[in-house]
Amino acid sequence: MMDMHRFAAMGTEVVAVAAAADAARVRRLFETIERACSRVLPDSALERLNDGPERIALVPSALLGPVTAGDAMRRRTGGLVDIGLGSALEAWGYDRTFDEIAAVPDPPEPRPAWWHLHGSVLHRSPGLRLDLGGIAKGWAADRAVEEGIASVVSAGGDVRSAHAGTIVDVADSREVTAVRITLGIGALATSSVARRRWQVAGGRAHHLIDPRTLRPAATPVVSATAICSTAVEAEAAAKAILLLGEGGLAWADRQPWIRGAVAIWNDDSVYATTGL
């Protein structure tokens, strides 16, 4: 018998539909991936990699899956979704858990960084810091469902489903349901700039850094939701749509790997791709 299980991981709430005997396995899976991929745990595999001085470094096995997925999503989105923006994110104040972020009086100008992945070998510029936050959540949700220990997993809105009856409600900036999506078997993720915001000099910042400017994205889209085959793909697609703003849904319509998408604008109007 499947039951709904809730627990905290990766700075968010995880909801898993799983048999009682598998619920602990789902939680351990998320905890293991979080210990490897966290930017805020100083002894995580990611922070050890980020703190290393080597220009050429071997990616630890615990990180190779998410880093490889991040590399694939960067190429698929034409560089819009880039896990190499950790330094820029930290420069804007997100260098600790979100609840601990303080006002940033004068954020420094982030410096461009580059990286290339060849197999398990990472080539990087000095100061590059990887950020696996969104990718890691999707990766964990995908693993739980693909390993058969859960039928549906939602990690802070990154949903992977093996259940044909799965329906997902997407809320607007007022926390009112704006659209109800029949997901079924597949994945869905929402990227939003409405919630994780903090004070900086001259205004407010958020966690979605635009790789073209190295600044928090300026976009009329408050949130974007994408439907794909995997949660990793959906997370990347939603982020790219939000970054592209006015052209995001048209871009999504041209991508064969995106099944459909919804964008909620700053006036809470809702738009969708063709046929959704």
Protein backbone atom coordinates (compact mmCIF):
# COMPACT_ATOMS: atom_id res chain seq x y z
CA MET A 1 0.00 0.00 0.00
CA MET A 2 1.31 3.42 -0.99
CA ASP A 3 1.21 6.27 1.52
CA MET A 4 2.29 9.92 1.41
CA HIS A 5 5.47 10.67 3.35
CA ARG A 6 6.87 14.14 4.07
CA PHE A 7 10.32 15.18 5.24
CA ALA A 8 12.71 18.13 5.02
CA ALA A 9 15.73 17.90 2.72
CA MET A 10 17.74 20.20 0.44
CA GLY A 11 16.22 23.30 2.01
CA THR A 12 12.68 22.34 1.07
CA GLU A 13 9.87 19.88 1.78
CA VAL A 14 9.96 16.54 0.02
CA VAL A 15 6.71 14.63 -0.49
CA ALA A 16 6.99 11.00 -1.59
CA VAL A 17 4.27 8.51 -2.42
CA ALA A 18 5.82 5.21 -1.39
CA ALA A 19 5.23 1.99 0.46
CA ALA A 20 5.94 2.22 4.17
CA ALA A 21 8.87 -0.16 3.76
CA ASP A 22 10.46 2.15 1.16
CA ALA A 23 9.86 5.52 2.82
CA ALA A 24 13.10 5.37 4.79
CA ARG A 25 15.01 4.47 1.62
CA VAL A 26 13.66 7.56 -0.13
CA ARG A 27 14.71 9.74 2.79
CA ARG A 28 18.19 8.20 2.90
CA LEU A 29 18.56 8.75 -0.84
CA PHE A 30 17.81 12.46 -0.48
CA GLU A 31 20.08 12.78 2.55
CA THR A 32 22.94 11.10 0.69
CA ILE A 33 22.57 13.34 -2.35
CA GLU A 34 22.26 16.44 -0.15
CA ARG A 35 25.44 15.57 1.77
CA ALA A 36 27.28 15.30 -1.54
CA CYS A 37 25.77 18.25 -3.43
CA SER A 38 25.17 20.92 -0.77
CA ARG A 39 26.79 24.36 -1.07
CA VAL A 40 26.23 25.10 2.61
CA LEU A 41 27.70 21.97 4.20
CA PRO A 42 31.43 22.67 4.47
CA ASP A 43 32.39 18.99 4.30
CA SER A 44 30.21 18.13 1.29
CA ALA A 45 31.83 16.62 -1.78
CA LEU A 46 30.75 19.70 -3.74
CA GLU A 47 32.41 22.15 -1.35
CA ARG A 48 35.61 20.12 -1.31
CA LEU A 49 35.61 20.25 -5.10
CA ASN A 50 34.78 23.98 -5.12
CA ASP A 51 37.51 24.78 -2.60
CA GLY A 52 40.18 22.84 -4.47
CA PRO A 53 42.84 24.94 -6.22
CA GLU A 54 43.32 22.64 -9.21
CA ARG A 55 42.45 23.98 -12.67
CA ILE A 56 41.87 20.35 -13.73
CA ALA A 57 40.08 18.19 -11.17
CA LEU A 58 38.50 14.76 -11.01
CA VAL A 59 34.79 14.96 -10.19
CA PRO A 60 34.03 12.66 -7.21
CA SER A 61 31.78 9.72 -8.02
CA ALA A 62 29.08 11.08 -5.67
CA LEU A 63 28.84 14.22 -7.82
CA LEU A 64 29.38 12.80 -11.27
CA GLY A 65 25.73 12.08 -12.06
CA PRO A 66 24.42 15.58 -11.13
CA VAL A 67 27.41 17.36 -12.70
CA THR A 68 27.03 15.38 -15.92
CA ALA A 69 23.31 16.20 -15.93
CA GLY A 70 24.13 19.86 -15.39
CA ASP A 71 26.54 19.80 -18.31
CA ALA A 72 23.86 18.25 -20.53
CA MET A 73 21.27 20.85 -19.49
CA ARG A 74 23.68 23.71 -20.15
CA ARG A 75 24.16 22.47 -23.71
CA ARG A 76 20.46 21.78 -24.22
CA THR A 77 19.46 25.30 -23.08
CA GLY A 78 22.19 27.07 -25.03
CA GLY A 79 24.01 28.07 -21.83
CA LEU A 80 21.01 29.59 -20.06
CA VAL A 81 21.03 26.97 -17.30
CA ASP A 82 24.56 26.86 -15.93
CA ILE A 83 25.66 25.07 -12.76
CA GLY A 84 28.89 27.11 -12.89
CA LEU A 85 27.29 30.24 -11.42
CA GLY A 86 28.00 29.47 -7.76
CA SER A 87 30.45 32.37 -7.39
CA ALA A 88 27.95 34.86 -8.80
CA LEU A 89 25.18 33.53 -6.56
CA GLU A 90 27.40 33.84 -3.51
CA ALA A 91 28.51 37.35 -4.53
CA TRP A 92 24.86 38.40 -4.41
CA GLY A 93 24.52 37.06 -0.86
CA TYR A 94 23.33 33.48 -1.25
CA ASP A 95 26.38 31.94 0.40
CA ARG A 96 24.48 30.28 3.27
CA THR A 97 21.07 28.74 3.82
CA PHE A 98 18.25 30.96 2.62
CA ASP A 99 16.95 31.55 6.15
CA GLU A 100 20.37 32.91 7.14
CA ILE A 101 20.79 35.40 4.29
CA ALA A 102 21.31 38.94 5.54
CA ALA A 103 20.92 42.18 3.58
CA VAL A 104 23.81 42.74 1.15
CA PRO A 105 24.73 46.45 1.31
CA ASP A 106 27.06 46.49 -1.69
CA PRO A 107 27.23 43.27 -3.72
CA PRO A 108 30.57 42.96 -5.55
CA GLU A 109 30.61 42.63 -9.31
CA PRO A 110 30.74 38.88 -10.06
CA ARG A 111 33.51 37.79 -12.40
CA PRO A 112 32.83 35.51 -15.38
CA ALA A 113 34.00 31.91 -15.00
CA TRP A 114 34.23 29.01 -17.41
CA TRP A 115 34.22 25.24 -17.11
CA HIS A 116 34.25 22.16 -19.32
CA LEU A 117 33.52 18.55 -18.41
CA HIS A 118 35.29 15.73 -20.22
CA GLY A 119 34.07 12.42 -18.84
CA SER A 120 34.78 12.75 -15.12
CA VAL A 121 37.44 15.45 -15.52
CA LEU A 122 36.49 19.05 -14.80
CA HIS A 123 38.47 21.86 -16.46
CA ARG A 124 37.73 25.22 -14.80
CA SER A 125 38.82 28.81 -14.42
CA PRO A 126 40.19 30.02 -11.07
CA GLY A 127 37.44 30.81 -8.61
CA LEU A 128 34.77 28.74 -10.32
CA ARG A 129 32.19 27.39 -7.89
CA LEU A 130 29.54 24.92 -8.97
CA ASP A 131 25.96 25.20 -7.72
CA LEU A 132 23.93 21.97 -7.94
CA GLY A 133 20.87 23.11 -6.02
CA GLY A 134 18.11 22.75 -8.62
CA ILE A 135 19.76 19.92 -10.52
CA ALA A 136 20.30 17.93 -7.31
CA LYS A 137 16.62 18.13 -6.32
CA GLY A 138 15.51 16.91 -9.73
CA TRP A 139 18.22 14.27 -9.78
CA ALA A 140 17.09 12.89 -6.40
CA ALA A 141 13.42 12.81 -7.44
CA ASP A 142 14.34 11.01 -10.65
CA ARG A 143 16.47 8.45 -8.82
CA ALA A 144 13.74 7.64 -6.29
CA VAL A 145 11.15 6.93 -8.97
CA GLU A 146 13.50 5.20 -11.42
CA GLU A 147 14.79 2.92 -8.65
CA GLY A 148 11.19 1.94 -7.86
CA ILE A 149 11.17 3.09 -4.23
CA ALA A 150 8.51 5.75 -4.84
CA SER A 151 5.76 6.21 -7.41
CA VAL A 152 5.66 10.01 -7.13
CA VAL A 153 8.15 12.45 -5.59
CA SER A 154 7.89 16.20 -5.22
CA ALA A 155 11.04 17.99 -4.06
CA GLY A 156 10.02 21.57 -3.52
CA GLY A 157 7.86 21.44 -6.64
CA ASP A 158 10.22 19.36 -8.77
CA VAL A 159 7.91 16.40 -9.45
CA ARG A 160 8.69 13.01 -10.95
CA SER A 161 5.76 10.64 -11.42
CA ALA A 162 5.27 7.01 -12.43
CA HIS A 163 1.54 7.23 -11.67
CA ALA A 164 -0.88 7.89 -14.54
CA GLY A 165 -3.30 9.80 -12.31
CA THR A 166 -0.89 12.45 -10.99
CA ILE A 167 -2.32 15.98 -11.07
CA VAL A 168 -0.30 19.05 -10.05
CA ASP A 169 -1.64 22.46 -9.01
CA VAL A 170 0.55 25.49 -9.83
CA ALA A 171 0.05 28.61 -7.70
CA ASP A 172 0.48 32.25 -8.66
CA SER A 173 2.26 34.94 -6.59
CA ARG A 174 -0.77 35.16 -4.27
CA GLU A 175 -0.50 31.43 -3.52
CA VAL A 176 -3.78 30.89 -5.36
CA THR A 177 -4.02 27.94 -7.76
CA ALA A 178 -3.53 29.42 -11.23
CA VAL A 179 -3.57 26.23 -13.28
CA ARG A 180 -4.14 22.52 -12.72
CA ILE A 181 -2.00 20.21 -14.86
CA THR A 182 -2.68 16.54 -15.50
CA LEU A 183 0.89 15.28 -15.41
CA GLY A 184 0.44 11.51 -15.43
CA ILE A 185 3.72 9.70 -16.07
CA GLY A 186 6.56 12.17 -16.48
CA ALA A 187 8.00 15.16 -14.67
CA LEU A 188 7.17 18.75 -13.89
CA ALA A 189 9.11 21.58 -12.27
CA THR A 190 8.44 25.22 -11.46
CA SER A 191 11.04 27.98 -11.30
CA SER A 192 10.00 31.18 -9.54
CA VAL A 193 11.48 34.52 -8.50
CA ALA A 194 8.56 35.34 -6.19
CA ARG A 195 9.75 33.65 -3.01
CA ARG A 196 13.50 33.46 -2.46
CA ARG A 197 14.24 37.19 -2.39
CA TRP A 198 16.39 39.34 -0.12
CA GLN A 199 17.51 42.95 0.27
CA VAL A 200 20.54 44.36 -1.55
CA ALA A 201 21.74 47.88 -2.21
CA GLY A 202 19.19 49.63 -4.37
CA GLY A 203 16.52 46.96 -4.26
CA ARG A 204 16.00 43.24 -3.91
CA ALA A 205 17.80 40.18 -5.29
CA HIS A 206 16.69 36.63 -5.94
CA HIS A 207 18.36 33.26 -6.49
CA LEU A 208 17.98 33.01 -10.27
CA ILE A 209 21.20 34.37 -11.78
CA ASP A 210 21.21 35.20 -15.49
CA PRO A 211 24.47 33.86 -16.99
CA ARG A 212 24.37 36.63 -19.62
CA THR A 213 24.61 39.39 -17.00
CA LEU A 214 25.75 37.58 -13.82
CA ARG A 215 22.96 39.45 -12.06
CA PRO A 216 19.56 38.31 -10.71
CA ALA A 217 17.36 37.85 -13.76
CA ALA A 218 15.19 40.77 -14.86
CA THR A 219 12.09 39.16 -16.36
CA PRO A 220 8.35 39.84 -16.53
CA VAL A 221 7.75 36.15 -15.79
CA VAL A 222 7.28 35.48 -12.08
CA SER A 223 7.20 31.71 -12.44
CA ALA A 224 7.54 29.15 -15.20
CA THR A 225 6.46 25.52 -15.13
CA ALA A 226 7.71 22.91 -17.59
CA ILE A 227 6.64 19.34 -18.30
CA CYS A 228 9.32 16.90 -19.48
CA SER A 229 10.28 13.24 -19.17
CA THR A 230 12.57 13.75 -16.15
CA ALA A 231 12.66 16.17 -13.24
CA VAL A 232 16.20 17.27 -14.18
CA GLU A 233 14.96 18.25 -17.65
CA ALA A 234 11.85 19.96 -16.27
CA GLU A 235 13.87 21.97 -13.75
CA ALA A 236 16.25 23.19 -16.45
CA ALA A 237 13.44 23.94 -18.89
CA ALA A 238 11.47 25.97 -16.34
CA LYS A 239 14.53 28.02 -15.46
CA ALA A 240 15.34 28.71 -19.12
CA ILE A 241 11.76 29.81 -19.84
CA LEU A 242 11.82 32.23 -16.93
CA LEU A 243 15.19 33.66 -17.99
CA LEU A 244 13.97 34.17 -21.57
CA GLY A 245 10.97 36.15 -20.33
CA GLU A 246 8.72 37.24 -23.18
CA GLY A 247 10.23 34.69 -25.56
CA GLY A 248 10.29 31.79 -23.12
CA LEU A 249 7.16 29.94 -24.16
CA ALA A 250 7.92 30.31 -27.87
CA TRP A 251 11.36 28.81 -27.19
CA ALA A 252 9.78 25.95 -25.23
CA ASP A 253 7.38 25.24 -28.09
CA ARG A 254 10.39 24.63 -30.36
CA GLN A 255 12.08 22.14 -28.00
CA PRO A 256 11.13 18.50 -28.68
CA TRP A 257 12.18 17.49 -25.17
CA ILE A 258 9.67 19.88 -23.54
CA ARG A 259 6.13 18.48 -23.54
CA GLY A 260 4.48 21.70 -22.46
CA ALA A 261 4.97 24.80 -20.32
CA VAL A 262 3.10 27.51 -18.43
CA ALA A 263 4.29 31.02 -17.56
CA ILE A 264 2.74 33.25 -14.91
CA TRP A 265 3.51 36.93 -15.44
CA ASN A 266 4.00 39.70 -12.90
CA ASP A 267 0.32 40.65 -13.20
CA ASP A 268 -0.67 37.00 -12.49
CA SER A 269 -1.86 36.44 -16.05
CA VAL A 270 -1.24 32.87 -17.24
CA TYR A 271 0.01 31.72 -20.64
CA ALA A 272 0.82 28.26 -21.98
CA THR A 273 2.54 26.59 -24.90
CA THR A 274 0.52 25.46 -27.88
CA GLY A 275 -1.75 22.53 -27.14
CA LEU A 276 -1.27 22.37 -23.38
